[in-house]
Amino acid sequence: MTLSPDQEEALARKARMVAVVIAVTMVLWMGAQWLGGQVGMQTKYVFLFDLATLAAFIWAMINTYQIWRMRRDSRG
C-alpha cells in the first residue's frame, strides 16, 4: 500500500514542523542558558527551561517515530 499524494504532503508538513520545533527549541534553550548566566538566574528557573526543552525534544522524537512508522507501513 502506498500513500496518496495528500498523505505524503501531510507527512512532509509534519516532518517540517518537527524540524522547526527542534531548531527553535535549541536556539531558545541556548539563549536562555546564556541569559541565565548573565543575570544570575536562580537554578530552579534554569531547570524549568531545561525541562521545557526536554519536553519539546520528546515531542519531536515521538513525532519522528510516527512519521517513520507511517512511511515504513506504507511500503508493505
N, C-alpha and C. Protein backbone atom coordinates (compact mmCIF):
# COMPACT_ATOMS: atom_id res chain seq x y z
N MET A 1 0.84 -1.18 0.00
CA MET A 1 0.00 0.00 0.00
C MET A 1 0.89 1.24 0.00
N THR A 2 0.66 2.12 -0.93
CA THR A 2 1.42 3.36 -0.97
C THR A 2 0.55 4.50 -0.47
N LEU A 3 1.21 5.54 -0.07
CA LEU A 3 0.49 6.70 0.44
C LEU A 3 -0.01 7.55 -0.72
N SER A 4 -1.16 8.15 -0.52
CA SER A 4 -1.69 9.06 -1.53
C SER A 4 -0.88 10.36 -1.50
N PRO A 5 -0.96 11.15 -2.55
CA PRO A 5 -0.24 12.43 -2.53
C PRO A 5 -0.62 13.33 -1.36
N ASP A 6 -1.89 13.28 -0.96
CA ASP A 6 -2.32 14.09 0.20
C ASP A 6 -1.67 13.60 1.49
N GLN A 7 -1.55 12.28 1.63
CA GLN A 7 -0.91 11.73 2.82
C GLN A 7 0.58 12.04 2.83
N GLU A 8 1.21 11.96 1.65
CA GLU A 8 2.63 12.31 1.56
C GLU A 8 2.85 13.77 1.94
N GLU A 9 1.96 14.62 1.47
CA GLU A 9 2.08 16.05 1.80
C GLU A 9 1.89 16.28 3.30
N ALA A 10 0.96 15.56 3.90
CA ALA A 10 0.73 15.69 5.35
C ALA A 10 1.95 15.22 6.13
N LEU A 11 2.57 14.13 5.69
CA LEU A 11 3.78 13.66 6.37
C LEU A 11 4.93 14.65 6.21
N ALA A 12 5.05 15.23 5.02
CA ALA A 12 6.11 16.22 4.79
C ALA A 12 5.88 17.45 5.66
N ARG A 13 4.63 17.87 5.79
CA ARG A 13 4.30 19.01 6.63
C ARG A 13 4.63 18.72 8.09
N LYS A 14 4.31 17.50 8.52
CA LYS A 14 4.61 17.09 9.89
C LYS A 14 6.12 17.04 10.13
N ALA A 15 6.87 16.55 9.15
CA ALA A 15 8.33 16.49 9.27
C ALA A 15 8.93 17.90 9.34
N ARG A 16 8.40 18.82 8.53
CA ARG A 16 8.89 20.20 8.60
C ARG A 16 8.61 20.82 9.96
N MET A 17 7.44 20.52 10.52
CA MET A 17 7.08 21.05 11.84
C MET A 17 8.04 20.52 12.90
N VAL A 18 8.38 19.24 12.82
CA VAL A 18 9.33 18.66 13.76
C VAL A 18 10.69 19.35 13.63
N ALA A 19 11.13 19.58 12.41
CA ALA A 19 12.42 20.24 12.19
C ALA A 19 12.42 21.66 12.76
N VAL A 20 11.34 22.39 12.56
CA VAL A 20 11.25 23.76 13.09
C VAL A 20 11.25 23.73 14.62
N VAL A 21 10.51 22.80 15.21
CA VAL A 21 10.46 22.72 16.67
C VAL A 21 11.85 22.42 17.23
N ILE A 22 12.58 21.50 16.61
CA ILE A 22 13.93 21.17 17.09
C ILE A 22 14.84 22.38 16.99
N ALA A 23 14.83 23.06 15.85
CA ALA A 23 15.72 24.21 15.64
C ALA A 23 15.39 25.36 16.59
N VAL A 24 14.12 25.70 16.70
CA VAL A 24 13.72 26.82 17.57
C VAL A 24 13.98 26.48 19.03
N THR A 25 13.69 25.25 19.42
CA THR A 25 13.94 24.83 20.80
C THR A 25 15.41 24.97 21.17
N MET A 26 16.27 24.52 20.27
CA MET A 26 17.71 24.59 20.55
C MET A 26 18.18 26.03 20.68
N VAL A 27 17.73 26.90 19.78
CA VAL A 27 18.14 28.30 19.84
C VAL A 27 17.61 28.97 21.11
N LEU A 28 16.35 28.72 21.44
CA LEU A 28 15.79 29.31 22.66
C LEU A 28 16.48 28.79 23.92
N TRP A 29 16.80 27.49 23.93
CA TRP A 29 17.47 26.92 25.10
C TRP A 29 18.86 27.54 25.28
N MET A 30 19.60 27.67 24.17
CA MET A 30 20.93 28.28 24.28
C MET A 30 20.83 29.73 24.72
N GLY A 31 19.84 30.45 24.21
CA GLY A 31 19.63 31.83 24.63
C GLY A 31 19.26 31.93 26.10
N ALA A 32 18.43 31.02 26.57
CA ALA A 32 18.04 31.03 27.97
C ALA A 32 19.23 30.71 28.87
N GLN A 33 20.08 29.78 28.44
CA GLN A 33 21.27 29.45 29.22
C GLN A 33 22.21 30.65 29.30
N TRP A 34 22.40 31.31 28.19
CA TRP A 34 23.28 32.48 28.17
C TRP A 34 22.70 33.60 29.03
N LEU A 35 21.40 33.88 28.85
CA LEU A 35 20.76 34.94 29.61
C LEU A 35 20.77 34.62 31.10
N GLY A 36 20.52 33.37 31.45
CA GLY A 36 20.54 32.98 32.86
C GLY A 36 21.89 33.21 33.49
N GLY A 37 22.96 32.96 32.74
CA GLY A 37 24.30 33.20 33.26
C GLY A 37 24.62 34.68 33.40
N GLN A 38 24.08 35.48 32.50
CA GLN A 38 24.35 36.92 32.53
C GLN A 38 23.63 37.62 33.69
N VAL A 39 22.41 37.22 33.97
CA VAL A 39 21.63 37.90 35.01
C VAL A 39 21.65 37.17 36.34
N GLY A 40 22.34 36.05 36.41
CA GLY A 40 22.41 35.30 37.67
C GLY A 40 21.08 34.68 38.05
N MET A 41 20.41 34.10 37.10
CA MET A 41 19.10 33.49 37.33
C MET A 41 19.22 32.34 38.32
N GLN A 42 18.20 32.17 39.14
CA GLN A 42 18.19 31.08 40.11
C GLN A 42 18.16 29.74 39.39
N THR A 43 18.74 28.75 40.02
CA THR A 43 18.86 27.43 39.43
C THR A 43 17.50 26.81 39.12
N LYS A 44 16.52 27.05 39.95
CA LYS A 44 15.21 26.43 39.73
C LYS A 44 14.58 26.93 38.42
N TYR A 45 14.84 28.16 38.04
CA TYR A 45 14.30 28.67 36.78
C TYR A 45 15.07 28.12 35.58
N VAL A 46 16.35 27.94 35.76
CA VAL A 46 17.15 27.33 34.69
C VAL A 46 16.68 25.90 34.45
N PHE A 47 16.37 25.16 35.51
CA PHE A 47 15.86 23.81 35.36
C PHE A 47 14.50 23.79 34.67
N LEU A 48 13.69 24.82 34.87
CA LEU A 48 12.42 24.90 34.15
C LEU A 48 12.65 25.00 32.65
N PHE A 49 13.63 25.81 32.24
CA PHE A 49 13.97 25.90 30.83
C PHE A 49 14.45 24.54 30.31
N ASP A 50 15.25 23.87 31.12
CA ASP A 50 15.76 22.55 30.72
C ASP A 50 14.61 21.54 30.55
N LEU A 51 13.67 21.56 31.48
CA LEU A 51 12.54 20.64 31.39
C LEU A 51 11.65 20.94 30.19
N ALA A 52 11.44 22.22 29.90
CA ALA A 52 10.66 22.59 28.73
C ALA A 52 11.36 22.13 27.45
N THR A 53 12.68 22.25 27.43
CA THR A 53 13.46 21.80 26.28
C THR A 53 13.35 20.29 26.12
N LEU A 54 13.46 19.57 27.21
CA LEU A 54 13.31 18.11 27.15
C LEU A 54 11.93 17.71 26.65
N ALA A 55 10.91 18.41 27.10
CA ALA A 55 9.55 18.12 26.65
C ALA A 55 9.42 18.32 25.14
N ALA A 56 10.00 19.40 24.63
CA ALA A 56 9.94 19.66 23.19
C ALA A 56 10.69 18.58 22.41
N PHE A 57 11.85 18.16 22.91
CA PHE A 57 12.60 17.12 22.23
C PHE A 57 11.90 15.76 22.28
N ILE A 58 11.25 15.46 23.38
CA ILE A 58 10.49 14.22 23.48
C ILE A 58 9.32 14.24 22.49
N TRP A 59 8.64 15.39 22.39
CA TRP A 59 7.57 15.54 21.42
C TRP A 59 8.10 15.31 20.00
N ALA A 60 9.26 15.89 19.71
CA ALA A 60 9.86 15.73 18.38
C ALA A 60 10.23 14.28 18.10
N MET A 61 10.76 13.59 19.10
CA MET A 61 11.12 12.18 18.91
C MET A 61 9.89 11.32 18.66
N ILE A 62 8.83 11.56 19.41
CA ILE A 62 7.59 10.80 19.22
C ILE A 62 7.04 11.03 17.82
N ASN A 63 7.02 12.27 17.37
CA ASN A 63 6.50 12.56 16.04
C ASN A 63 7.40 12.00 14.94
N THR A 64 8.70 12.03 15.15
CA THR A 64 9.62 11.44 14.18
C THR A 64 9.38 9.94 14.07
N TYR A 65 9.17 9.28 15.19
CA TYR A 65 8.87 7.85 15.19
C TYR A 65 7.56 7.57 14.44
N GLN A 66 6.55 8.41 14.66
CA GLN A 66 5.28 8.23 13.97
C GLN A 66 5.44 8.38 12.46
N ILE A 67 6.23 9.36 12.03
CA ILE A 67 6.48 9.56 10.61
C ILE A 67 7.19 8.34 10.03
N TRP A 68 8.20 7.87 10.74
CA TRP A 68 8.95 6.71 10.28
C TRP A 68 8.05 5.50 10.13
N ARG A 69 7.19 5.26 11.13
CA ARG A 69 6.29 4.11 11.08
C ARG A 69 5.30 4.23 9.93
N MET A 70 4.76 5.42 9.70
CA MET A 70 3.79 5.59 8.61
C MET A 70 4.45 5.34 7.26
N ARG A 71 5.66 5.82 7.07
CA ARG A 71 6.36 5.60 5.81
C ARG A 71 6.73 4.12 5.65
N ARG A 72 7.18 3.50 6.72
CA ARG A 72 7.54 2.08 6.67
C ARG A 72 6.31 1.21 6.38
N ASP A 73 5.20 1.51 7.04
CA ASP A 73 3.99 0.72 6.84
C ASP A 73 3.41 0.91 5.44
N SER A 74 3.66 2.06 4.84
CA SER A 74 3.11 2.30 3.51
C SER A 74 3.85 1.50 2.43
N ARG A 75 5.05 1.05 2.74
CA ARG A 75 5.84 0.26 1.77
C ARG A 75 5.47 -1.21 1.78
N GLY A 76 4.76 -1.62 2.80
CA GLY A 76 4.30 -3.01 2.81
C GLY A 76 4.98 -3.92 3.72
